[in-house]
Amino acid sequence: MSRPFIIGVGGFTSNVGKTSLLCELLRAFPGWEAIKTTRGHYRSCGKDPAACCVSHLLSDEPLVRSGRKETFEEGKDTGRYWAAGASNVHWLICTDDQVEEGIKLALERVSADGVFIEGNSFAQFVPTDSFIMVKRADSDAIKKSARKLVDSASAIYLSSLDQTVYPLNISARIPVFTPNELPALIDQLRASTKARIAV
């Protein structure tokens, strides 16, 4: 089988609504799979290990967990993927140095025609067919990994519509969508898949 159609969902910063958008897309593309990428830091992230740290799962090789038994957890991103209708979910847990190897291992497990991948870091190692950057309309913050990707994005999705909207310093050729325009974004993604796969 040729590689699946890959749609990446990245973010200008953390907590901008990447997972929520990805779940909406999974509902619109039945039968597709999803990959969650988590980069760990051997307890150097400063966060409470009991709450969120994956350092105990890190080793000399990237770890890929697949299937409902290994990836479903109520309330977590991977659990939300399953609830949104993903046909399979793969969770890549790795260090910064293992992202390239890990994302390729995760993609080898995908058997569907298409897959959504959440995160920014993987995109420098795997060509995407479409890449959506999620941004809060009320913030002009952007992290380093996002700055490298934004000019090559297929679309920008504003996950919030508050009264204060910061201007977007992006190329005019990149279409911008709001939650009200989500159907149009989905239509654009469907159109981009038709040349290779049936949605």
N, C-alpha and C. Protein backbone atom coordinates (compact mmCIF):
# COMPACT_ATOMS: atom_id res chain seq x y z
N MET A 1 0.84 -1.19 0.00
CA MET A 1 0.00 0.00 0.00
C MET A 1 0.88 1.24 0.00
N SER A 2 0.49 2.27 -0.76
CA SER A 2 1.21 3.54 -0.74
C SER A 2 0.92 4.24 0.59
N ARG A 3 1.71 5.24 0.88
CA ARG A 3 1.55 5.91 2.16
C ARG A 3 0.17 6.56 2.25
N PRO A 4 -0.36 6.71 3.45
CA PRO A 4 -1.68 7.33 3.59
C PRO A 4 -1.61 8.83 3.27
N PHE A 5 -2.77 9.40 2.99
CA PHE A 5 -2.89 10.84 2.86
C PHE A 5 -2.71 11.43 4.25
N ILE A 6 -1.80 12.39 4.39
CA ILE A 6 -1.45 12.91 5.70
C ILE A 6 -1.91 14.35 5.85
N ILE A 7 -2.72 14.58 6.87
CA ILE A 7 -3.13 15.94 7.23
C ILE A 7 -2.60 16.23 8.63
N GLY A 8 -1.72 17.22 8.73
CA GLY A 8 -1.18 17.61 10.02
C GLY A 8 -2.02 18.71 10.65
N VAL A 9 -2.10 18.67 11.98
CA VAL A 9 -2.79 19.71 12.74
C VAL A 9 -1.81 20.21 13.79
N GLY A 10 -1.23 21.39 13.53
CA GLY A 10 -0.27 21.97 14.46
C GLY A 10 -0.86 23.19 15.14
N GLY A 11 -0.06 23.81 16.01
CA GLY A 11 -0.57 24.96 16.74
C GLY A 11 0.45 26.07 16.88
N PHE A 12 -0.04 27.30 16.91
CA PHE A 12 0.83 28.44 17.16
C PHE A 12 1.46 28.34 18.55
N THR A 13 0.68 27.86 19.52
CA THR A 13 1.15 27.62 20.89
C THR A 13 0.42 26.40 21.42
N SER A 14 0.67 26.06 22.66
CA SER A 14 -0.07 24.98 23.32
C SER A 14 -1.47 25.48 23.69
N ASN A 15 -2.37 24.55 23.87
CA ASN A 15 -3.73 24.86 24.33
C ASN A 15 -4.46 25.86 23.44
N VAL A 16 -4.37 25.64 22.14
CA VAL A 16 -5.10 26.52 21.21
C VAL A 16 -6.30 25.83 20.58
N GLY A 17 -6.49 24.54 20.84
CA GLY A 17 -7.63 23.83 20.28
C GLY A 17 -7.29 22.84 19.17
N LYS A 18 -6.03 22.39 19.13
CA LYS A 18 -5.63 21.41 18.10
C LYS A 18 -6.46 20.14 18.20
N THR A 19 -6.60 19.60 19.40
CA THR A 19 -7.31 18.33 19.57
C THR A 19 -8.78 18.48 19.21
N SER A 20 -9.38 19.59 19.59
CA SER A 20 -10.79 19.82 19.25
C SER A 20 -10.99 19.85 17.74
N LEU A 21 -10.10 20.55 17.04
CA LEU A 21 -10.21 20.58 15.57
C LEU A 21 -9.99 19.20 14.99
N LEU A 22 -8.98 18.50 15.47
CA LEU A 22 -8.69 17.17 14.92
C LEU A 22 -9.90 16.25 15.10
N CYS A 23 -10.57 16.36 16.24
CA CYS A 23 -11.76 15.52 16.47
C CYS A 23 -12.89 15.88 15.51
N GLU A 24 -13.06 17.16 15.22
CA GLU A 24 -14.06 17.57 14.23
C GLU A 24 -13.72 16.98 12.86
N LEU A 25 -12.45 16.98 12.53
CA LEU A 25 -12.04 16.43 11.24
C LEU A 25 -12.24 14.91 11.18
N LEU A 26 -11.97 14.23 12.29
CA LEU A 26 -12.21 12.78 12.33
C LEU A 26 -13.69 12.46 12.09
N ARG A 27 -14.57 13.29 12.64
CA ARG A 27 -16.01 13.08 12.41
C ARG A 27 -16.37 13.25 10.94
N ALA A 28 -15.64 14.14 10.28
CA ALA A 28 -15.93 14.44 8.87
C ALA A 28 -15.27 13.45 7.91
N PHE A 29 -14.29 12.70 8.40
CA PHE A 29 -13.56 11.75 7.56
C PHE A 29 -13.64 10.35 8.19
N PRO A 30 -14.80 9.71 8.12
CA PRO A 30 -14.94 8.39 8.74
C PRO A 30 -13.95 7.38 8.16
N GLY A 31 -13.42 6.55 9.04
CA GLY A 31 -12.47 5.52 8.62
C GLY A 31 -11.02 5.95 8.71
N TRP A 32 -10.77 7.23 8.93
CA TRP A 32 -9.40 7.71 9.05
C TRP A 32 -8.82 7.40 10.42
N GLU A 33 -7.51 7.38 10.49
CA GLU A 33 -6.80 7.12 11.74
C GLU A 33 -6.19 8.42 12.27
N ALA A 34 -5.63 8.36 13.47
CA ALA A 34 -5.02 9.54 14.08
C ALA A 34 -3.74 9.15 14.79
N ILE A 35 -2.79 10.07 14.77
CA ILE A 35 -1.51 9.90 15.49
C ILE A 35 -1.33 11.09 16.42
N LYS A 36 -1.04 10.80 17.67
CA LYS A 36 -0.71 11.82 18.67
C LYS A 36 0.79 11.72 18.94
N THR A 37 1.49 12.84 18.86
CA THR A 37 2.93 12.84 19.16
C THR A 37 3.16 13.53 20.50
N THR A 38 3.89 12.85 21.37
CA THR A 38 4.24 13.41 22.67
C THR A 38 5.74 13.32 22.85
N ARG A 39 6.36 14.47 23.05
CA ARG A 39 7.80 14.49 23.29
C ARG A 39 8.05 14.59 24.78
N GLY A 40 8.85 13.66 25.31
CA GLY A 40 9.14 13.64 26.74
C GLY A 40 10.51 14.21 27.04
N HIS A 41 10.75 14.47 28.34
CA HIS A 41 11.95 15.19 28.73
C HIS A 41 12.68 14.59 29.95
N TYR A 42 12.52 13.33 30.20
CA TYR A 42 13.22 12.70 31.34
C TYR A 42 13.11 13.54 32.61
N ARG A 43 11.87 13.92 32.93
CA ARG A 43 11.54 14.66 34.15
C ARG A 43 12.20 16.04 34.24
N SER A 44 12.60 16.58 33.12
CA SER A 44 13.18 17.92 33.14
C SER A 44 12.19 18.98 32.67
N CYS A 45 10.93 18.57 32.43
CA CYS A 45 9.95 19.52 31.91
C CYS A 45 9.41 20.43 33.00
N GLY A 46 9.65 20.10 34.25
CA GLY A 46 9.18 20.94 35.34
C GLY A 46 7.73 20.71 35.73
N LYS A 47 7.07 19.79 35.06
CA LYS A 47 5.67 19.51 35.37
C LYS A 47 5.57 18.38 36.39
N ASP A 48 4.43 18.26 37.00
CA ASP A 48 4.19 17.21 37.98
C ASP A 48 4.20 15.86 37.28
N PRO A 49 5.17 14.98 37.57
CA PRO A 49 5.25 13.69 36.88
C PRO A 49 3.97 12.87 37.00
N ALA A 50 3.29 12.96 38.13
CA ALA A 50 2.08 12.16 38.31
C ALA A 50 0.94 12.66 37.44
N ALA A 51 0.99 13.92 37.05
CA ALA A 51 -0.11 14.49 36.29
C ALA A 51 0.04 14.32 34.79
N CYS A 52 1.26 14.49 34.27
CA CYS A 52 1.35 14.54 32.81
C CYS A 52 2.65 13.99 32.24
N CYS A 53 3.63 13.75 33.03
CA CYS A 53 4.95 13.41 32.49
C CYS A 53 4.96 11.99 31.90
N VAL A 54 5.65 11.84 30.78
CA VAL A 54 5.77 10.52 30.15
C VAL A 54 7.20 10.00 30.26
N SER A 55 7.99 10.61 31.13
CA SER A 55 9.41 10.24 31.18
C SER A 55 9.61 8.77 31.51
N HIS A 56 8.71 8.18 32.27
CA HIS A 56 8.86 6.75 32.61
C HIS A 56 8.66 5.84 31.40
N LEU A 57 8.12 6.39 30.31
CA LEU A 57 7.90 5.61 29.09
C LEU A 57 9.03 5.77 28.08
N LEU A 58 9.96 6.68 28.36
CA LEU A 58 11.04 6.93 27.41
C LEU A 58 12.14 5.89 27.54
N SER A 59 12.77 5.59 26.39
CA SER A 59 13.90 4.65 26.38
C SER A 59 14.83 5.06 25.24
N ASP A 60 15.71 4.17 24.87
CA ASP A 60 16.64 4.46 23.78
C ASP A 60 15.96 4.44 22.42
N GLU A 61 14.74 3.94 22.35
CA GLU A 61 13.98 3.87 21.11
C GLU A 61 12.63 4.56 21.30
N PRO A 62 12.08 5.16 20.25
CA PRO A 62 10.74 5.74 20.37
C PRO A 62 9.71 4.65 20.62
N LEU A 63 8.66 4.99 21.35
CA LEU A 63 7.60 4.05 21.67
C LEU A 63 6.35 4.43 20.90
N VAL A 64 5.75 3.46 20.20
CA VAL A 64 4.49 3.70 19.51
C VAL A 64 3.47 2.72 20.07
N ARG A 65 2.41 3.24 20.64
CA ARG A 65 1.29 2.43 21.11
C ARG A 65 0.15 2.57 20.12
N SER A 66 -0.50 1.45 19.80
CA SER A 66 -1.58 1.47 18.82
C SER A 66 -2.76 0.65 19.32
N GLY A 67 -3.94 0.98 18.82
CA GLY A 67 -5.14 0.23 19.16
C GLY A 67 -5.82 0.78 20.41
N ARG A 68 -7.09 0.46 20.52
CA ARG A 68 -7.89 1.01 21.63
C ARG A 68 -7.35 0.58 22.99
N LYS A 69 -6.95 -0.67 23.12
CA LYS A 69 -6.48 -1.17 24.42
C LYS A 69 -5.27 -0.39 24.91
N GLU A 70 -4.39 0.02 24.00
CA GLU A 70 -3.15 0.69 24.40
C GLU A 70 -3.24 2.21 24.39
N THR A 71 -4.28 2.77 23.77
CA THR A 71 -4.31 4.22 23.62
C THR A 71 -5.54 4.91 24.19
N PHE A 72 -6.60 4.16 24.48
CA PHE A 72 -7.81 4.83 24.96
C PHE A 72 -7.70 5.15 26.45
N GLU A 73 -7.91 6.43 26.75
CA GLU A 73 -8.03 6.86 28.14
C GLU A 73 -9.03 8.02 28.15
N GLU A 74 -10.09 7.84 28.92
CA GLU A 74 -11.17 8.83 28.98
C GLU A 74 -10.61 10.22 29.29
N GLY A 75 -11.00 11.19 28.48
CA GLY A 75 -10.60 12.57 28.73
C GLY A 75 -9.26 12.98 28.14
N LYS A 76 -8.42 12.02 27.81
CA LYS A 76 -7.12 12.34 27.20
C LYS A 76 -7.31 12.53 25.69
N ASP A 77 -6.31 13.13 25.05
CA ASP A 77 -6.43 13.40 23.62
C ASP A 77 -6.72 12.14 22.82
N THR A 78 -5.99 11.06 23.13
CA THR A 78 -6.20 9.82 22.37
C THR A 78 -7.60 9.25 22.60
N GLY A 79 -8.12 9.39 23.81
CA GLY A 79 -9.49 8.96 24.08
C GLY A 79 -10.50 9.78 23.30
N ARG A 80 -10.22 11.05 23.16
CA ARG A 80 -11.11 11.93 22.39
C ARG A 80 -11.09 11.54 20.91
N TYR A 81 -9.93 11.12 20.40
CA TYR A 81 -9.86 10.66 19.01
C TYR A 81 -10.79 9.48 18.79
N TRP A 82 -10.72 8.51 19.71
CA TRP A 82 -11.59 7.34 19.59
C TRP A 82 -13.06 7.76 19.63
N ALA A 83 -13.41 8.65 20.56
CA ALA A 83 -14.80 9.09 20.70
C ALA A 83 -15.28 9.82 19.44
N ALA A 84 -14.35 10.46 18.72
CA ALA A 84 -14.70 11.19 17.50
C ALA A 84 -14.81 10.27 16.29
N GLY A 85 -14.47 8.99 16.46
CA GLY A 85 -14.66 8.04 15.37
C GLY A 85 -13.42 7.56 14.67
N ALA A 86 -12.24 7.79 15.23
CA ALA A 86 -11.02 7.28 14.60
C ALA A 86 -11.10 5.77 14.45
N SER A 87 -10.65 5.25 13.32
CA SER A 87 -10.66 3.80 13.11
C SER A 87 -9.48 3.14 13.83
N ASN A 88 -8.44 3.91 14.11
CA ASN A 88 -7.33 3.45 14.93
C ASN A 88 -6.59 4.69 15.42
N VAL A 89 -5.94 4.54 16.57
CA VAL A 89 -5.18 5.64 17.15
C VAL A 89 -3.80 5.13 17.50
N HIS A 90 -2.79 5.93 17.15
CA HIS A 90 -1.40 5.60 17.44
C HIS A 90 -0.82 6.73 18.28
N TRP A 91 -0.11 6.36 19.35
CA TRP A 91 0.45 7.36 20.25
C TRP A 91 1.96 7.21 20.23
N LEU A 92 2.64 8.22 19.69
CA LEU A 92 4.10 8.23 19.64
C LEU A 92 4.64 8.97 20.85
N ILE A 93 5.48 8.29 21.62
CA ILE A 93 6.12 8.87 22.80
C ILE A 93 7.62 8.80 22.55
N CYS A 94 8.28 9.94 22.56
CA CYS A 94 9.69 9.96 22.19
C CYS A 94 10.39 11.19 22.75
N THR A 95 11.70 11.19 22.63
CA THR A 95 12.48 12.38 22.94
C THR A 95 12.57 13.23 21.68
N ASP A 96 13.11 14.43 21.81
CA ASP A 96 13.27 15.30 20.65
C ASP A 96 14.09 14.63 19.56
N ASP A 97 15.11 13.87 19.95
CA ASP A 97 16.00 13.22 18.99
C ASP A 97 15.37 12.01 18.31
N GLN A 98 14.22 11.55 18.80
CA GLN A 98 13.59 10.34 18.27
C GLN A 98 12.36 10.62 17.41
N VAL A 99 12.03 11.89 17.21
CA VAL A 99 10.80 12.23 16.48
C VAL A 99 10.80 11.66 15.07
N GLU A 100 11.90 11.84 14.35
CA GLU A 100 11.94 11.38 12.96
C GLU A 100 11.72 9.87 12.86
N GLU A 101 12.46 9.11 13.64
CA GLU A 101 12.30 7.65 13.61
C GLU A 101 10.91 7.26 14.08
N GLY A 102 10.44 7.91 15.14
CA GLY A 102 9.16 7.55 15.73
C GLY A 102 7.98 7.80 14.82
N ILE A 103 7.96 8.95 14.15
CA ILE A 103 6.81 9.24 13.28
C ILE A 103 6.77 8.29 12.10
N LYS A 104 7.93 7.89 11.62
CA LYS A 104 7.96 6.93 10.52
C LYS A 104 7.46 5.56 10.97
N LEU A 105 7.81 5.17 12.20
CA LEU A 105 7.30 3.91 12.75
C LEU A 105 5.78 3.97 12.91
N ALA A 106 5.28 5.09 13.40
CA ALA A 106 3.83 5.23 13.59
C ALA A 106 3.10 5.17 12.26
N LEU A 107 3.65 5.83 11.24
CA LEU A 107 3.00 5.83 9.92
C LEU A 107 2.98 4.44 9.30
N GLU A 108 3.98 3.62 9.60
CA GLU A 108 4.00 2.24 9.09
C GLU A 108 2.82 1.43 9.61
N ARG A 109 2.25 1.84 10.73
CA ARG A 109 1.13 1.10 11.32
C ARG A 109 -0.22 1.53 10.76
N VAL A 110 -0.26 2.62 10.03
CA VAL A 110 -1.53 3.14 9.51
C VAL A 110 -1.97 2.30 8.31
N SER A 111 -3.19 1.78 8.39
CA SER A 111 -3.72 0.98 7.28
C SER A 111 -4.85 1.70 6.54
N ALA A 112 -5.34 2.79 7.09
CA ALA A 112 -6.43 3.56 6.45
C ALA A 112 -5.88 4.38 5.29
N ASP A 113 -6.79 4.89 4.48
CA ASP A 113 -6.38 5.75 3.36
C ASP A 113 -5.80 7.08 3.84
N GLY A 114 -6.26 7.54 5.01
CA GLY A 114 -5.81 8.84 5.49
C GLY A 114 -5.57 8.84 6.99
N VAL A 115 -4.72 9.79 7.43
CA VAL A 115 -4.40 9.90 8.85
C VAL A 115 -4.22 11.37 9.21
N PHE A 116 -4.71 11.73 10.39
CA PHE A 116 -4.47 13.05 10.96
C PHE A 116 -3.36 12.92 12.00
N ILE A 117 -2.41 13.84 11.97
CA ILE A 117 -1.33 13.83 12.94
C ILE A 117 -1.33 15.14 13.69
N GLU A 118 -1.41 15.05 15.03
CA GLU A 118 -1.41 16.26 15.85
C GLU A 118 0.00 16.56 16.33
N GLY A 119 0.42 17.80 16.13
CA GLY A 119 1.72 18.25 16.59
C GLY A 119 2.45 19.05 15.54
N ASN A 120 3.53 19.69 15.97
CA ASN A 120 4.37 20.47 15.05
C ASN A 120 5.65 19.75 14.68
N SER A 121 6.25 19.07 15.64
CA SER A 121 7.62 18.59 15.48
C SER A 121 7.78 17.57 14.36
N PHE A 122 6.77 16.77 14.09
CA PHE A 122 6.89 15.71 13.08
C PHE A 122 7.02 16.26 11.67
N ALA A 123 6.48 17.47 11.42
CA ALA A 123 6.33 17.98 10.06
C ALA A 123 7.66 18.26 9.37
N GLN A 124 8.73 18.40 10.13
CA GLN A 124 10.02 18.62 9.48
C GLN A 124 10.62 17.33 8.94
N PHE A 125 10.02 16.20 9.31
CA PHE A 125 10.56 14.90 8.90
C PHE A 125 9.67 14.15 7.92
N VAL A 126 8.40 14.49 7.86
CA VAL A 126 7.44 13.78 7.01
C VAL A 126 6.67 14.79 6.17
N PRO A 127 6.63 14.63 4.85
CA PRO A 127 5.85 15.56 4.04
C PRO A 127 4.35 15.34 4.29
N THR A 128 3.65 16.43 4.49
CA THR A 128 2.20 16.35 4.67
C THR A 128 1.50 16.76 3.39
N ASP A 129 0.31 16.23 3.20
CA ASP A 129 -0.49 16.63 2.04
C ASP A 129 -1.22 17.94 2.33
N SER A 130 -1.56 18.16 3.58
CA SER A 130 -2.13 19.42 4.07
C SER A 130 -1.67 19.61 5.50
N PHE A 131 -1.46 20.87 5.87
CA PHE A 131 -1.06 21.15 7.25
C PHE A 131 -1.82 22.38 7.73
N ILE A 132 -2.59 22.19 8.80
CA ILE A 132 -3.41 23.26 9.35
C ILE A 132 -2.78 23.75 10.65
N MET A 133 -2.59 25.05 10.75
CA MET A 133 -2.08 25.65 11.97
C MET A 133 -3.24 26.27 12.74
N VAL A 134 -3.36 25.89 14.02
CA VAL A 134 -4.45 26.38 14.85
C VAL A 134 -3.94 27.55 15.71
N LYS A 135 -4.73 28.61 15.75
CA LYS A 135 -4.33 29.82 16.47
C LYS A 135 -5.54 30.39 17.20
N ARG A 136 -5.31 30.92 18.38
CA ARG A 136 -6.36 31.68 19.05
C ARG A 136 -6.41 33.07 18.44
N ALA A 137 -7.60 33.53 18.12
CA ALA A 137 -7.75 34.84 17.51
C ALA A 137 -7.34 35.96 18.46
N ASP A 138 -7.44 35.71 19.76
CA ASP A 138 -7.19 36.76 20.75
C ASP A 138 -5.75 36.74 21.28
N SER A 139 -4.86 36.10 20.58
CA SER A 139 -3.46 36.05 21.02
C SER A 139 -2.53 36.15 19.81
N ASP A 140 -1.42 36.86 19.99
CA ASP A 140 -0.43 36.92 18.92
C ASP A 140 0.79 36.07 19.24
N ALA A 141 0.69 35.22 20.27
CA ALA A 141 1.82 34.36 20.66
C ALA A 141 2.06 33.29 19.61
N ILE A 142 3.34 32.97 19.43
CA ILE A 142 3.72 31.88 18.53
C ILE A 142 5.02 31.28 19.02
N LYS A 143 5.05 29.95 19.13
CA LYS A 143 6.28 29.30 19.60
C LYS A 143 7.22 29.03 18.44
N LYS A 144 8.47 28.74 18.79
CA LYS A 144 9.53 28.59 17.80
C LYS A 144 9.20 27.54 16.74
N SER A 145 8.70 26.37 17.17
CA SER A 145 8.41 25.29 16.21
C SER A 145 7.30 25.70 15.25
N ALA A 146 6.37 26.53 15.71
CA ALA A 146 5.28 26.98 14.84
C ALA A 146 5.77 28.02 13.84
N ARG A 147 6.66 28.88 14.28
CA ARG A 147 7.18 29.93 13.39
C ARG A 147 7.82 29.34 12.15
N LYS A 148 8.46 28.16 12.31
CA LYS A 148 9.12 27.50 11.19
C LYS A 148 8.12 26.93 10.19
N LEU A 149 6.89 26.67 10.63
CA LEU A 149 5.90 25.98 9.81
C LEU A 149 4.84 26.87 9.20
N VAL A 150 4.59 28.00 9.82
CA VAL A 150 3.40 28.76 9.48
C VAL A 150 3.36 29.20 8.01
N ASP A 151 4.49 29.56 7.44
CA ASP A 151 4.47 30.02 6.05
C ASP A 151 4.20 28.91 5.04
N SER A 152 4.38 27.67 5.46
CA SER A 152 4.10 26.55 4.56
C SER A 152 2.77 25.88 4.87
N ALA A 153 1.99 26.46 5.78
CA ALA A 153 0.69 25.88 6.15
C ALA A 153 -0.29 25.94 4.99
N SER A 154 -1.18 24.96 4.94
CA SER A 154 -2.24 24.95 3.93
C SER A 154 -3.39 25.86 4.35
N ALA A 155 -3.55 26.02 5.68
CA ALA A 155 -4.65 26.83 6.20
C ALA A 155 -4.34 27.22 7.64
N ILE A 156 -4.94 28.32 8.08
CA ILE A 156 -4.91 28.75 9.47
C ILE A 156 -6.33 28.61 10.00
N TYR A 157 -6.46 28.03 11.19
CA TYR A 157 -7.78 27.89 11.81
C TYR A 157 -7.78 28.68 13.11
N LEU A 158 -8.66 29.69 13.20
CA LEU A 158 -8.79 30.49 14.41
C LEU A 158 -9.77 29.79 15.34
N SER A 159 -9.25 29.26 16.44
CA SER A 159 -10.09 28.42 17.29
C SER A 159 -10.98 29.20 18.23
N SER A 160 -10.80 30.51 18.31
CA SER A 160 -11.66 31.32 19.16
C SER A 160 -12.01 32.60 18.43
N LEU A 161 -13.18 33.09 18.71
CA LEU A 161 -13.62 34.36 18.11
C LEU A 161 -14.01 35.32 19.22
N ASP A 162 -13.01 36.01 19.74
CA ASP A 162 -13.26 36.98 20.79
C ASP A 162 -13.30 38.38 20.19
N GLN A 163 -13.64 39.35 21.00
CA GLN A 163 -13.76 40.71 20.48
C GLN A 163 -12.41 41.27 20.01
N THR A 164 -11.35 40.91 20.71
CA THR A 164 -10.03 41.38 20.31
C THR A 164 -9.41 40.35 19.37
N VAL A 165 -9.16 40.74 18.14
CA VAL A 165 -8.55 39.84 17.17
C VAL A 165 -7.23 40.45 16.72
N TYR A 166 -6.15 39.72 17.00
CA TYR A 166 -4.84 40.20 16.59
C TYR A 166 -4.64 39.97 15.10
N PRO A 167 -3.95 40.88 14.43
CA PRO A 167 -3.70 40.67 12.99
C PRO A 167 -2.79 39.47 12.77
N LEU A 168 -2.99 38.80 11.66
CA LEU A 168 -2.16 37.65 11.31
C LEU A 168 -1.01 38.10 10.43
N ASN A 169 0.19 37.83 10.87
CA ASN A 169 1.37 38.16 10.07
C ASN A 169 1.77 36.94 9.24
N ILE A 170 0.92 36.62 8.27
CA ILE A 170 1.16 35.45 7.44
C ILE A 170 0.97 35.84 5.98
N SER A 171 1.39 34.96 5.11
CA SER A 171 1.22 35.19 3.68
C SER A 171 -0.26 35.29 3.33
N ALA A 172 -0.58 36.21 2.45
CA ALA A 172 -1.98 36.39 2.04
C ALA A 172 -2.52 35.18 1.30
N ARG A 173 -1.63 34.30 0.82
CA ARG A 173 -2.09 33.13 0.06
C ARG A 173 -2.64 32.04 0.98
N ILE A 174 -2.39 32.11 2.28
CA ILE A 174 -2.84 31.07 3.20
C ILE A 174 -4.27 31.39 3.65
N PRO A 175 -5.24 30.54 3.33
CA PRO A 175 -6.61 30.81 3.74
C PRO A 175 -6.79 30.70 5.25
N VAL A 176 -7.65 31.54 5.79
CA VAL A 176 -7.94 31.57 7.23
C VAL A 176 -9.39 31.18 7.44
N PHE A 177 -9.62 30.28 8.39
CA PHE A 177 -10.97 29.80 8.68
C PHE A 177 -11.30 30.02 10.15
N THR A 178 -12.55 30.29 10.43
CA THR A 178 -13.05 30.42 11.79
C THR A 178 -13.94 29.21 12.10
N PRO A 179 -14.34 29.03 13.36
CA PRO A 179 -15.25 27.92 13.66
C PRO A 179 -16.52 27.93 12.81
N ASN A 180 -17.02 29.12 12.50
CA ASN A 180 -18.21 29.20 11.65
C ASN A 180 -17.95 28.72 10.23
N GLU A 181 -16.68 28.75 9.83
CA GLU A 181 -16.31 28.35 8.48
C GLU A 181 -15.69 26.95 8.43
N LEU A 182 -15.86 26.19 9.50
CA LEU A 182 -15.32 24.83 9.54
C LEU A 182 -15.81 23.97 8.37
N PRO A 183 -17.09 24.05 7.98
CA PRO A 183 -17.52 23.26 6.81
C PRO A 183 -16.72 23.58 5.55
N ALA A 184 -16.34 24.84 5.37
CA ALA A 184 -15.55 25.22 4.20
C ALA A 184 -14.15 24.64 4.28
N LEU A 185 -13.57 24.61 5.48
CA LEU A 185 -12.25 23.98 5.66
C LEU A 185 -12.33 22.50 5.34
N ILE A 186 -13.37 21.85 5.82
CA ILE A 186 -13.55 20.42 5.54
C ILE A 186 -13.70 20.18 4.05
N ASP A 187 -14.46 21.04 3.38
CA ASP A 187 -14.63 20.92 1.92
C ASP A 187 -13.28 21.07 1.21
N GLN A 188 -12.46 22.01 1.66
CA GLN A 188 -11.14 22.21 1.05
C GLN A 188 -10.28 20.96 1.24
N LEU A 189 -10.32 20.37 2.42
CA LEU A 189 -9.52 19.17 2.66
C LEU A 189 -10.04 17.98 1.84
N ARG A 190 -11.34 17.85 1.73
CA ARG A 190 -11.90 16.77 0.91
C ARG A 190 -11.47 16.92 -0.54
N ALA A 191 -11.51 18.13 -1.03
CA ALA A 191 -11.12 18.38 -2.42
C ALA A 191 -9.65 18.00 -2.64
N SER A 192 -8.81 18.26 -1.64
CA SER A 192 -7.38 17.95 -1.80
C SER A 192 -7.10 16.46 -1.74
N THR A 193 -8.01 15.68 -1.17
CA THR A 193 -7.81 14.24 -1.10
C THR A 193 -8.32 13.49 -2.33
N LYS A 194 -9.22 14.11 -3.07
CA LYS A 194 -9.91 13.39 -4.14
C LYS A 194 -8.98 12.94 -5.26
N ALA A 195 -7.89 13.63 -5.43
CA ALA A 195 -6.97 13.24 -6.49
C ALA A 195 -6.32 11.88 -6.21
N ARG A 196 -6.27 11.48 -4.94
CA ARG A 196 -5.55 10.25 -4.62
C ARG A 196 -6.41 9.19 -3.95
N ILE A 197 -7.35 9.64 -3.13
CA ILE A 197 -8.17 8.65 -2.41
C ILE A 197 -9.63 9.07 -2.44
N ALA A 198 -10.52 8.12 -2.19
CA ALA A 198 -11.94 8.42 -2.09
C ALA A 198 -12.28 8.65 -0.64
N VAL A 199 -12.90 9.77 -0.31
CA VAL A 199 -13.24 10.09 1.07
C VAL A 199 -14.65 9.63 1.37
